Protein backbone atom coordinates (compact mmCIF):
# COMPACT_ATOMS: atom_id res chain seq x y z
CA UNK A 1 -78.19 141.65 149.40
CA UNK A 2 -79.11 138.76 151.74
CA UNK A 3 -78.09 135.23 150.85
CA UNK A 4 -80.51 132.33 150.60
CA UNK A 5 -79.45 130.13 153.54
CA UNK A 6 -80.03 126.43 152.96
CA UNK A 7 -80.92 124.24 155.93
CA UNK A 8 -83.10 121.22 156.65
CA UNK A 9 -85.14 120.02 153.68
CA UNK A 10 -83.82 122.80 151.42
CA UNK A 11 -80.24 121.70 152.08
CA UNK A 12 -81.14 118.03 151.59
CA UNK A 13 -82.78 118.87 148.26
CA UNK A 14 -79.73 120.87 147.14
CA UNK A 15 -77.37 118.02 148.13
CA UNK A 16 -79.49 115.60 146.10
CA UNK A 17 -78.67 117.66 142.98
CA UNK A 18 -74.92 117.57 143.61
CA UNK A 19 -72.54 114.72 142.77
CA UNK A 20 -70.65 113.44 145.82
CA UNK A 21 -70.98 116.54 147.99
CA UNK A 22 -71.87 116.25 151.68
CA UNK A 23 -72.01 118.47 154.74
CA UNK A 24 -68.88 118.40 156.89
CA UNK A 25 -68.61 120.64 159.95
CA UNK A 26 -71.34 122.95 158.66
CA UNK A 27 -69.77 123.33 155.20
CA UNK A 28 -70.28 121.70 151.82
CA UNK A 29 -67.44 119.23 151.28
CA UNK A 30 -66.06 117.18 148.42
CA UNK A 31 -62.75 115.54 147.61
CA UNK A 32 -61.66 115.68 143.97
CA UNK A 33 -58.98 113.32 142.66
CA UNK A 34 -57.27 114.06 139.34
CA UNK A 35 -54.79 112.19 137.15
CA UNK A 36 -51.83 114.10 138.55
CA UNK A 37 -50.71 117.37 140.15
CA UNK A 38 -50.83 119.35 136.90
CA UNK A 39 -54.46 118.33 136.30
CA UNK A 40 -55.40 119.21 139.90
CA UNK A 41 -53.67 122.57 139.77
CA UNK A 42 -55.11 123.36 136.35
CA UNK A 43 -58.61 122.68 137.68
CA UNK A 44 -57.94 124.90 140.70
CA UNK A 45 -56.82 127.69 138.37
CA UNK A 46 -60.00 127.39 136.29
CA UNK A 47 -62.16 127.36 139.42
CA UNK A 48 -60.30 130.39 140.76
CA UNK A 49 -61.37 132.46 137.76
CA UNK A 50 -65.04 131.57 138.33
CA UNK A 51 -64.77 132.06 142.10
CA UNK A 52 -63.24 135.52 141.70
CA UNK A 53 -65.95 136.56 139.25
CA UNK A 54 -68.62 135.36 141.70
CA UNK A 55 -66.76 136.95 144.65
CA UNK A 56 -67.01 133.60 146.40
CA UNK A 57 -63.77 131.89 147.32
CA UNK A 58 -63.39 128.26 148.35
CA UNK A 59 -61.53 126.88 151.31
CA UNK A 60 -59.41 124.19 149.71
CA UNK A 61 -56.37 122.04 150.31
CA UNK A 62 -54.26 120.39 147.63
CA UNK A 63 -51.77 117.55 147.93
CA UNK A 64 -50.45 116.12 144.68
CA UNK A 65 -53.53 115.01 142.71
CA UNK A 66 -56.14 115.45 145.45
CA UNK A 67 -58.06 118.64 146.24
CA UNK A 68 -60.33 118.80 149.29
CA UNK A 69 -62.93 121.57 149.11
CA UNK A 70 -65.11 123.17 151.80
CA UNK A 71 -67.68 125.78 150.78
CA UNK A 72 -69.49 128.14 153.13
CA UNK A 73 -70.81 131.68 152.79
CA UNK A 74 -69.05 133.54 155.59
CA UNK A 75 -71.11 136.71 155.38
CA UNK A 76 -74.34 134.71 155.80
CA UNK A 77 -73.74 133.56 159.31
CA UNK A 78 -71.56 131.62 158.27
CA UNK A 79 -73.92 129.16 156.59
CA UNK A 80 -74.39 127.09 153.46
CA UNK A 81 -76.21 129.12 150.83
CA UNK A 82 -77.34 128.87 147.22
CA UNK A 83 -74.05 130.61 146.37
CA UNK A 84 -72.14 127.58 147.68
CA UNK A 85 -74.31 125.18 145.68
CA UNK A 86 -73.72 127.23 142.52
CA UNK A 87 -69.94 127.12 143.01
CA UNK A 88 -70.10 123.38 143.75
CA UNK A 89 -71.90 122.85 140.43
CA UNK A 90 -69.27 124.92 138.63
CA UNK A 91 -66.50 122.88 140.24
CA UNK A 92 -68.14 119.63 139.19
CA UNK A 93 -68.63 120.87 135.62
CA UNK A 94 -64.99 121.97 135.38
CA UNK A 95 -63.80 118.64 136.81
CA UNK A 96 -65.71 116.78 134.10
CA UNK A 97 -63.95 118.85 131.48
């Protein structure tokens, strides 16, 4: 099943619906900062369950209370797709609690 690749105006419109996400090196990017390491790791664990179910796994890096996330659909080019936007929304929702 082909992925809906987002570029140009479509990507700009998608970014406008996301909180604090931007494009970095051709990938969606956001830095999340939590109260402490346990909160950051707990969030990553919750996201991992959603990512596995969606078969869409983030590229992320964690140091103490900060998690940096890059999202890109590798089997679509690689490119940014609606699948990345959906996972970004899930991440934001889980970060809000």
